[in-house]
Amino acid sequence: MVSGDRKLRPGHLVHLLIDLNAGEETMSLTGSIRRVRGDNGGVALAIAFPILSPDQEDAIHNAVLRALVRRDALAAQLPLLVFEPRRRVREEIEAEIRSFGFPVSGVDSLSAAVRELESEETEYAGLIVHSATRDEPSMDVIEFLTKSDDLRTIILPEPNGALHERARGLAKLPQVRVPRVWSRSELRRVLTN
């Protein structure tokens, strides 16, 4: 998948210049669009390259693997931020996350969450939200944060599985996960996927 901002259709031919590493020669490749998917105002394109040497194929695969390993290593070191006004519930969520080996930090107000996420001193791997799903103004801010920063967000439903309609809508975004129920196994599943 290649991200872009032009609306192309399956079947269109494209010419790409791919610079994978400084010091290596830039690859000049022609391919055809196979799939197009819109994401947050941008476009993700699946491109097939009919003529690709084994060296070019290896170079692309290695670059993608290096990027994924870097992303996962960085995410593993960054803490998750939990926003939950109720102290007991927040501490319970934090304890569960720590038990899976993830660093975590918690805040009890939406303004504190915004300050933390906008701070240049600390970076977070993602945001975990629980009670805010009942509150329309809180959902406005969460939707803004999730969409503007492509922030990895996990929205935990109420114990009975109830969710605010806007949380259901956000679940369609690729960076948002909404487990079916608030349980240890579901939380672990969304944290590790």
C-alpha atoms as a PDB file:
ATOM      1  CA  MET A   1       0.000   0.000   0.000  1.00  0.00           C
ATOM      2  CA  VAL A   2       1.197   3.476  -0.879  1.00  0.00           C
ATOM      3  CA  SER A   3      -0.432   6.572   0.568  1.00  0.00           C
ATOM      4  CA  GLY A   4      -1.242   9.497  -1.644  1.00  0.00           C
ATOM      5  CA  ASP A   5      -3.646  12.345  -2.105  1.00  0.00           C
ATOM      6  CA  ARG A   6      -4.805  11.775  -5.674  1.00  0.00           C
ATOM      7  CA  LYS A   7      -7.955   9.878  -6.507  1.00  0.00           C
ATOM      8  CA  LEU A   8      -6.829   7.086  -8.794  1.00  0.00           C
ATOM      9  CA  ARG A   9      -8.924   4.125  -9.892  1.00  0.00           C
ATOM     10  CA  PRO A  10      -8.091   0.447 -10.222  1.00  0.00           C
ATOM     11  CA  GLY A  11      -6.419  -0.179 -13.559  1.00  0.00           C
ATOM     12  CA  HIS A  12      -4.647   3.195 -13.791  1.00  0.00           C
ATOM     13  CA  LEU A  13      -0.928   2.986 -14.554  1.00  0.00           C
ATOM     14  CA  VAL A  14       1.420   4.891 -12.250  1.00  0.00           C
ATOM     15  CA  HIS A  15       5.128   5.607 -12.278  1.00  0.00           C
ATOM     16  CA  LEU A  16       6.840   5.720  -8.878  1.00  0.00           C
ATOM     17  CA  LEU A  17      10.270   6.846  -7.800  1.00  0.00           C
ATOM     18  CA  ILE A  18      11.037   4.972  -4.592  1.00  0.00           C
ATOM     19  CA  ASP A  19      13.897   6.099  -2.366  1.00  0.00           C
ATOM     20  CA  LEU A  20      14.233   3.431   0.326  1.00  0.00           C
ATOM     21  CA  ASN A  21      17.555   4.400   1.890  1.00  0.00           C
ATOM     22  CA  ALA A  22      19.897   7.329   1.694  1.00  0.00           C
ATOM     23  CA  GLY A  23      22.908   6.271  -0.299  1.00  0.00           C
ATOM     24  CA  GLU A  24      21.018   3.655  -2.337  1.00  0.00           C
ATOM     25  CA  GLU A  25      19.871   4.204  -5.884  1.00  0.00           C
ATOM     26  CA  THR A  26      16.303   5.457  -6.310  1.00  0.00           C
ATOM     27  CA  MET A  27      14.040   2.814  -7.868  1.00  0.00           C
ATOM     28  CA  SER A  28      11.979   3.833 -10.884  1.00  0.00           C
ATOM     29  CA  LEU A  29       8.967   1.507 -11.177  1.00  0.00           C
ATOM     30  CA  THR A  30       5.784   1.363 -13.219  1.00  0.00           C
ATOM     31  CA  GLY A  31       2.757  -0.393 -11.785  1.00  0.00           C
ATOM     32  CA  SER A  32      -1.002  -0.563 -11.951  1.00  0.00           C
ATOM     33  CA  ILE A  33      -3.491   0.408  -9.264  1.00  0.00           C
ATOM     34  CA  ARG A  34      -5.253  -2.684  -7.854  1.00  0.00           C
ATOM     35  CA  ARG A  35      -7.236  -1.213  -4.932  1.00  0.00           C
ATOM     36  CA  VAL A  36      -8.005   2.277  -3.631  1.00  0.00           C
ATOM     37  CA  ARG A  37      -9.075   3.040  -0.069  1.00  0.00           C
ATOM     38  CA  GLY A  38      -9.838   6.488   1.406  1.00  0.00           C
ATOM     39  CA  ASP A  39      -8.383   7.264   4.847  1.00  0.00           C
ATOM     40  CA  ASN A  40      -8.837  10.577   6.700  1.00  0.00           C
ATOM     41  CA  GLY A  41      -8.765  12.745   3.597  1.00  0.00           C
ATOM     42  CA  GLY A  42      -5.895  10.780   2.032  1.00  0.00           C
ATOM     43  CA  VAL A  43      -5.815   7.795  -0.256  1.00  0.00           C
ATOM     44  CA  ALA A  44      -4.196   4.383   0.200  1.00  0.00           C
ATOM     45  CA  LEU A  45      -3.288   2.658  -3.054  1.00  0.00           C
ATOM     46  CA  ALA A  46      -2.486  -1.005  -3.562  1.00  0.00           C
ATOM     47  CA  ILE A  47      -0.107  -1.153  -6.529  1.00  0.00           C
ATOM     48  CA  ALA A  48       0.997  -4.218  -8.477  1.00  0.00           C
ATOM     49  CA  PHE A  49       4.370  -4.094 -10.232  1.00  0.00           C
ATOM     50  CA  PRO A  50       4.371  -6.501 -13.203  1.00  0.00           C
ATOM     51  CA  ILE A  51       8.107  -6.124 -13.798  1.00  0.00           C
ATOM     52  CA  LEU A  52      10.169  -6.302 -10.629  1.00  0.00           C
ATOM     53  CA  SER A  53      13.622  -7.789 -10.343  1.00  0.00           C
ATOM     54  CA  PRO A  54      14.358 -10.094  -7.404  1.00  0.00           C
ATOM     55  CA  ASP A  55      16.725  -7.420  -5.995  1.00  0.00           C
ATOM     56  CA  GLN A  56      14.025  -4.746  -6.220  1.00  0.00           C
ATOM     57  CA  GLU A  57      11.484  -7.051  -4.613  1.00  0.00           C
ATOM     58  CA  ASP A  58      13.911  -7.881  -1.786  1.00  0.00           C
ATOM     59  CA  ALA A  59      14.745  -4.198  -1.262  1.00  0.00           C
ATOM     60  CA  ILE A  60      11.054  -3.263  -0.972  1.00  0.00           C
ATOM     61  CA  HIS A  61      10.270  -6.164   1.378  1.00  0.00           C
ATOM     62  CA  ASN A  62      13.278  -5.325   3.566  1.00  0.00           C
ATOM     63  CA  ALA A  63      12.333  -1.639   3.744  1.00  0.00           C
ATOM     64  CA  VAL A  64       8.770  -2.488   4.773  1.00  0.00           C
ATOM     65  CA  LEU A  65       9.977  -4.973   7.404  1.00  0.00           C
ATOM     66  CA  ARG A  66      12.482  -2.436   8.807  1.00  0.00           C
ATOM     67  CA  ALA A  67       9.721   0.188   9.031  1.00  0.00           C
ATOM     68  CA  LEU A  68       7.375  -2.243  10.813  1.00  0.00           C
ATOM     69  CA  VAL A  69      10.071  -3.314  13.285  1.00  0.00           C
ATOM     70  CA  ARG A  70      10.937   0.353  14.025  1.00  0.00           C
ATOM     71  CA  ARG A  71       7.250   1.195  14.489  1.00  0.00           C
ATOM     72  CA  ASP A  72       6.663  -1.760  16.808  1.00  0.00           C
ATOM     73  CA  ALA A  73       9.820  -1.086  18.825  1.00  0.00           C
ATOM     74  CA  LEU A  74       8.884   2.563  19.232  1.00  0.00           C
ATOM     75  CA  ALA A  75       5.293   1.729  20.176  1.00  0.00           C
ATOM     76  CA  ALA A  76       6.488  -0.866  22.699  1.00  0.00           C
ATOM     77  CA  GLN A  77       8.524   1.766  24.536  1.00  0.00           C
ATOM     78  CA  LEU A  78       5.922   4.519  24.500  1.00  0.00           C
ATOM     79  CA  PRO A  79       3.265   4.536  27.213  1.00  0.00           C
ATOM     80  CA  LEU A  80      -0.451   4.337  26.568  1.00  0.00           C
ATOM     81  CA  LEU A  81      -2.571   7.156  27.991  1.00  0.00           C
ATOM     82  CA  VAL A  82      -5.762   6.171  29.823  1.00  0.00           C
ATOM     83  CA  PHE A  83      -8.508   8.783  30.145  1.00  0.00           C
ATOM     84  CA  GLU A  84     -11.079   7.797  32.761  1.00  0.00           C
ATOM     85  CA  PRO A  85     -12.596  10.230  35.324  1.00  0.00           C
ATOM     86  CA  ARG A  86     -13.361   7.553  37.933  1.00  0.00           C
ATOM     87  CA  ARG A  87     -10.186   6.756  39.857  1.00  0.00           C
ATOM     88  CA  ARG A  88     -11.038   3.140  40.718  1.00  0.00           C
ATOM     89  CA  VAL A  89     -11.955   2.279  37.120  1.00  0.00           C
ATOM     90  CA  ARG A  90      -8.884   4.106  35.744  1.00  0.00           C
ATOM     91  CA  GLU A  91      -6.580   2.234  38.125  1.00  0.00           C
ATOM     92  CA  GLU A  92      -8.204  -1.066  37.150  1.00  0.00           C
ATOM     93  CA  ILE A  93      -7.639  -0.370  33.448  1.00  0.00           C
ATOM     94  CA  GLU A  94      -4.049   0.740  34.108  1.00  0.00           C
ATOM     95  CA  ALA A  95      -3.349  -2.415  36.141  1.00  0.00           C
ATOM     96  CA  GLU A  96      -4.659  -4.612  33.324  1.00  0.00           C
ATOM     97  CA  ILE A  97      -2.481  -2.826  30.762  1.00  0.00           C
ATOM     98  CA  ARG A  98       0.611  -3.112  32.987  1.00  0.00           C
ATOM     99  CA  SER A  99      -0.063  -6.823  33.456  1.00  0.00           C
ATOM    100  CA  PHE A 100       0.351  -7.244  29.677  1.00  0.00           C
ATOM    101  CA  GLY A 101       3.775  -5.553  29.849  1.00  0.00           C
ATOM    102  CA  PHE A 102       2.808  -2.150  28.432  1.00  0.00           C
ATOM    103  CA  PRO A 103       3.819   1.135  30.084  1.00  0.00           C
ATOM    104  CA  VAL A 104       0.786   3.251  30.953  1.00  0.00           C
ATOM    105  CA  SER A 105      -0.128   6.643  32.340  1.00  0.00           C
ATOM    106  CA  GLY A 106      -3.566   7.859  33.384  1.00  0.00           C
ATOM    107  CA  VAL A 107      -5.500  11.122  33.610  1.00  0.00           C
ATOM    108  CA  ASP A 108      -8.891  11.919  35.116  1.00  0.00           C
ATOM    109  CA  SER A 109     -10.000  14.800  32.885  1.00  0.00           C
ATOM    110  CA  LEU A 110     -10.263  15.420  29.193  1.00  0.00           C
ATOM    111  CA  SER A 111      -8.302  18.665  29.505  1.00  0.00           C
ATOM    112  CA  ALA A 112      -5.443  16.740  31.164  1.00  0.00           C
ATOM    113  CA  ALA A 113      -5.557  14.172  28.348  1.00  0.00           C
ATOM    114  CA  VAL A 114      -5.339  16.934  25.723  1.00  0.00           C
ATOM    115  CA  ARG A 115      -2.413  18.578  27.579  1.00  0.00           C
ATOM    116  CA  GLU A 116      -0.584  15.241  27.756  1.00  0.00           C
ATOM    117  CA  LEU A 117      -1.146  14.428  24.090  1.00  0.00           C
ATOM    118  CA  GLU A 118      -0.079  17.902  22.964  1.00  0.00           C
ATOM    119  CA  SER A 119       2.990  17.994  25.210  1.00  0.00           C
ATOM    120  CA  GLU A 120       6.284  17.880  23.364  1.00  0.00           C
ATOM    121  CA  GLU A 121       7.973  16.261  26.361  1.00  0.00           C
ATOM    122  CA  THR A 122       6.059  12.972  26.285  1.00  0.00           C
ATOM    123  CA  GLU A 123       4.869  10.893  23.358  1.00  0.00           C
ATOM    124  CA  TYR A 124       2.173   8.244  23.696  1.00  0.00           C
ATOM    125  CA  ALA A 125       1.593   5.041  21.749  1.00  0.00           C
ATOM    126  CA  GLY A 126      -2.153   5.590  21.975  1.00  0.00           C
ATOM    127  CA  LEU A 127      -5.183   6.664  23.968  1.00  0.00           C
ATOM    128  CA  ILE A 128      -7.587   4.434  25.889  1.00  0.00           C
ATOM    129  CA  VAL A 129     -11.007   5.898  26.672  1.00  0.00           C
ATOM    130  CA  HIS A 130     -13.877   4.518  28.749  1.00  0.00           C
ATOM    131  CA  SER A 131     -16.526   6.706  30.414  1.00  0.00           C
ATOM    132  CA  ALA A 132     -16.284   9.562  27.905  1.00  0.00           C
ATOM    133  CA  THR A 133     -18.393   7.563  25.479  1.00  0.00           C
ATOM    134  CA  ARG A 134     -21.490   8.730  27.415  1.00  0.00           C
ATOM    135  CA  ASP A 135     -20.711  12.419  26.939  1.00  0.00           C
ATOM    136  CA  GLU A 136     -21.257  14.280  23.627  1.00  0.00           C
ATOM    137  CA  PRO A 137     -18.699  17.115  24.250  1.00  0.00           C
ATOM    138  CA  SER A 138     -16.058  14.560  25.297  1.00  0.00           C
ATOM    139  CA  MET A 139     -16.722  12.573  22.133  1.00  0.00           C
ATOM    140  CA  ASP A 140     -16.181  15.781  20.103  1.00  0.00           C
ATOM    141  CA  VAL A 141     -12.678  16.117  21.541  1.00  0.00           C
ATOM    142  CA  ILE A 142     -11.885  12.399  21.228  1.00  0.00           C
ATOM    143  CA  GLU A 143     -13.049  12.391  17.607  1.00  0.00           C
ATOM    144  CA  PHE A 144     -10.880  15.446  16.885  1.00  0.00           C
ATOM    145  CA  LEU A 145      -7.791  13.895  18.513  1.00  0.00           C
ATOM    146  CA  THR A 146      -8.303  10.558  16.791  1.00  0.00           C
ATOM    147  CA  LYS A 147      -8.815  12.019  13.332  1.00  0.00           C
ATOM    148  CA  SER A 148      -6.340  14.917  13.418  1.00  0.00           C
ATOM    149  CA  ASP A 149      -3.339  12.975  14.716  1.00  0.00           C
ATOM    150  CA  ASP A 150      -4.250   9.504  13.438  1.00  0.00           C
ATOM    151  CA  LEU A 151      -3.950   8.631  17.121  1.00  0.00           C
ATOM    152  CA  ARG A 152      -4.218   4.936  17.921  1.00  0.00           C
ATOM    153  CA  THR A 153      -7.298   4.870  20.113  1.00  0.00           C
ATOM    154  CA  ILE A 154      -9.034   2.114  22.033  1.00  0.00           C
ATOM    155  CA  ILE A 155     -12.586   2.889  23.129  1.00  0.00           C
ATOM    156  CA  LEU A 156     -13.804   0.585  25.884  1.00  0.00           C
ATOM    157  CA  PRO A 157     -17.568  -0.016  26.017  1.00  0.00           C
ATOM    158  CA  GLU A 158     -19.631   0.022  29.177  1.00  0.00           C
ATOM    159  CA  PRO A 159     -19.811  -3.352  31.015  1.00  0.00           C
ATOM    160  CA  ASN A 160     -23.071  -4.152  29.201  1.00  0.00           C
ATOM    161  CA  GLY A 161     -21.412  -3.413  25.837  1.00  0.00           C
ATOM    162  CA  ALA A 162     -23.181  -0.067  25.400  1.00  0.00           C
ATOM    163  CA  LEU A 163     -21.418   2.554  23.279  1.00  0.00           C
ATOM    164  CA  HIS A 164     -22.160   6.092  22.209  1.00  0.00           C
ATOM    165  CA  GLU A 165     -23.166   6.146  18.509  1.00  0.00           C
ATOM    166  CA  ARG A 166     -20.154   8.352  17.684  1.00  0.00           C
ATOM    167  CA  ALA A 167     -17.813   5.772  19.193  1.00  0.00           C
ATOM    168  CA  ARG A 168     -19.313   3.191  16.844  1.00  0.00           C
ATOM    169  CA  GLY A 169     -18.652   5.572  13.947  1.00  0.00           C
ATOM    170  CA  LEU A 170     -15.036   6.093  15.018  1.00  0.00           C
ATOM    171  CA  ALA A 171     -14.562   2.310  15.101  1.00  0.00           C
ATOM    172  CA  LYS A 172     -14.590   2.409  11.286  1.00  0.00           C
ATOM    173  CA  LEU A 173     -11.251   4.292  11.303  1.00  0.00           C
ATOM    174  CA  PRO A 174      -8.175   2.058  10.922  1.00  0.00           C
ATOM    175  CA  GLN A 175      -6.451   3.542  14.009  1.00  0.00           C
ATOM    176  CA  VAL A 176      -9.463   2.997  16.316  1.00  0.00           C
ATOM    177  CA  ARG A 177     -10.265  -0.285  18.051  1.00  0.00           C
ATOM    178  CA  VAL A 178     -13.450  -0.965  19.962  1.00  0.00           C
ATOM    179  CA  PRO A 179     -13.599  -4.326  21.745  1.00  0.00           C
ATOM    180  CA  ARG A 180     -17.008  -5.995  21.876  1.00  0.00           C
ATOM    181  CA  VAL A 181     -17.057  -6.032  25.667  1.00  0.00           C
ATOM    182  CA  TRP A 182     -14.858  -4.639  28.422  1.00  0.00           C
ATOM    183  CA  SER A 183     -12.942  -7.714  29.475  1.00  0.00           C
ATOM    184  CA  ARG A 184      -9.324  -8.650  30.129  1.00  0.00           C
ATOM    185  CA  SER A 185      -9.126 -10.905  27.078  1.00  0.00           C
ATOM    186  CA  GLU A 186     -10.710  -8.327  24.740  1.00  0.00           C
ATOM    187  CA  LEU A 187      -8.408  -5.580  26.054  1.00  0.00           C
ATOM    188  CA  ARG A 188      -5.385  -7.814  25.478  1.00  0.00           C
ATOM    189  CA  ARG A 189      -6.592  -8.646  21.973  1.00  0.00           C
ATOM    190  CA  VAL A 190      -6.937  -4.990  20.910  1.00  0.00           C
ATOM    191  CA  LEU A 191      -3.622  -4.032  22.530  1.00  0.00           C
ATOM    192  CA  THR A 192      -1.678  -6.721  20.711  1.00  0.00           C
ATOM    193  CA  ASN A 193      -3.345  -6.419  17.268  1.00  0.00           C
END
